[in-house]
Amino acid sequence: MRLTISLDDDLYGYVKSLARSEDLSMSQVVNKLIRRVVEVPAHPIQVPSAASPWQGFAARPGVIIHRDEAQRMEEEEDLARLEALGFKKK
């Protein structure tokens, strides 16, 4: 599918240099970066079969993480991945 987008100057430079260093087109690099962010984890979190009414899950015995906390942690991991790729928070 074809799509025209506008990139900030710093992101354009990053994608262009990555494309050059990996001998890929800019479109291939953008696709690759987006796939890294949206890729389904290889080991999804297992929710216990007897979930309690508060909708949490056990991360390890004795430690309970609620869904809101798990979502916040996932968002922080996503931001860390983007920063590791050279993207900056505004």
Protein backbone atom coordinates (compact mmCIF):
# COMPACT_ATOMS: atom_id res chain seq x y z
CA MET A 1 0.00 0.00 0.00
CA ARG A 2 1.31 3.44 -0.81
CA LEU A 3 1.14 6.27 1.74
CA THR A 4 2.70 9.71 1.83
CA ILE A 5 3.81 10.92 5.25
CA SER A 6 5.80 13.85 6.62
CA LEU A 7 8.67 13.10 8.99
CA ASP A 8 10.37 15.49 11.35
CA ASP A 9 13.86 16.40 10.14
CA ASP A 10 15.61 14.33 12.84
CA LEU A 11 13.50 11.24 12.06
CA TYR A 12 14.07 11.65 8.33
CA GLY A 13 17.82 11.78 8.91
CA TYR A 14 17.65 8.72 11.15
CA VAL A 15 15.63 6.67 8.65
CA LYS A 16 17.82 7.77 5.75
CA SER A 17 21.07 6.88 7.53
CA LEU A 18 19.65 3.54 8.70
CA ALA A 19 18.50 2.77 5.16
CA ARG A 20 21.95 3.58 3.83
CA SER A 21 23.77 1.52 6.47
CA GLU A 22 21.49 -1.53 6.02
CA ASP A 23 21.26 -1.17 2.22
CA LEU A 24 17.47 -0.89 2.37
CA SER A 25 14.96 1.58 0.99
CA MET A 26 13.50 4.16 3.35
CA SER A 27 10.11 2.43 3.01
CA GLN A 28 11.65 -0.87 4.10
CA VAL A 29 13.25 0.80 7.13
CA VAL A 30 9.99 2.50 8.17
CA ASN A 31 8.14 -0.82 7.83
CA LYS A 32 10.83 -2.58 9.86
CA LEU A 33 10.68 0.02 12.65
CA ILE A 34 6.88 -0.05 12.83
CA ARG A 35 6.90 -3.87 12.97
CA ARG A 36 9.30 -3.75 15.94
CA VAL A 37 6.86 -1.59 17.86
CA VAL A 38 3.64 -3.44 17.06
CA GLU A 39 5.01 -6.99 17.03
CA VAL A 40 3.15 -9.40 19.30
CA PRO A 41 5.42 -10.68 22.09
CA ALA A 42 6.63 -14.26 21.66
CA HIS A 43 5.49 -15.13 25.20
CA PRO A 44 2.16 -13.44 25.96
CA ILE A 45 1.28 -12.80 29.60
CA GLN A 46 -0.74 -15.66 31.02
CA VAL A 47 -3.83 -14.66 33.00
CA PRO A 48 -4.68 -17.20 35.71
CA SER A 49 -7.77 -19.29 34.98
CA ALA A 50 -9.38 -18.27 38.27
CA ALA A 51 -9.10 -14.50 37.74
CA SER A 52 -10.37 -12.52 40.67
CA PRO A 53 -12.89 -9.68 40.35
CA TRP A 54 -10.15 -7.00 40.44
CA GLN A 55 -8.82 -8.23 37.07
CA GLY A 56 -5.18 -8.57 38.09
CA PHE A 57 -2.72 -11.36 37.44
CA ALA A 58 0.20 -12.91 39.26
CA ALA A 59 3.60 -11.88 37.89
CA ARG A 60 5.30 -14.33 40.25
CA PRO A 61 4.11 -16.00 43.45
CA GLY A 62 3.06 -13.40 45.99
CA VAL A 63 3.24 -10.43 43.57
CA ILE A 64 0.02 -9.10 42.07
CA ILE A 65 0.02 -6.64 39.18
CA HIS A 66 -3.25 -4.98 38.20
CA ARG A 67 -4.12 -4.46 34.53
CA ASP A 68 -3.62 -0.69 34.75
CA GLU A 69 -0.12 -1.19 36.13
CA ALA A 70 0.71 -3.79 33.46
CA GLN A 71 -0.49 -1.41 30.73
CA ARG A 72 1.63 1.42 32.18
CA MET A 73 4.66 -0.88 32.24
CA GLU A 74 4.07 -1.90 28.61
CA GLU A 75 3.80 1.75 27.56
CA GLU A 76 7.08 2.52 29.34
CA GLU A 77 8.75 -0.42 27.56
CA ASP A 78 7.44 0.82 24.20
CA LEU A 79 8.81 4.32 24.89
CA ALA A 80 12.17 2.85 25.94
CA ARG A 81 12.31 0.84 22.68
CA LEU A 82 11.60 3.95 20.62
CA GLU A 83 14.24 5.95 22.51
CA ALA A 84 16.75 3.11 21.94
CA LEU A 85 16.00 3.43 18.22
CA GLY A 86 16.83 7.14 18.37
CA PHE A 87 13.36 8.65 18.70
CA LYS A 88 12.99 11.40 21.29
CA LYS A 89 10.06 12.42 23.45
CA LYS A 90 8.60 15.86 22.70
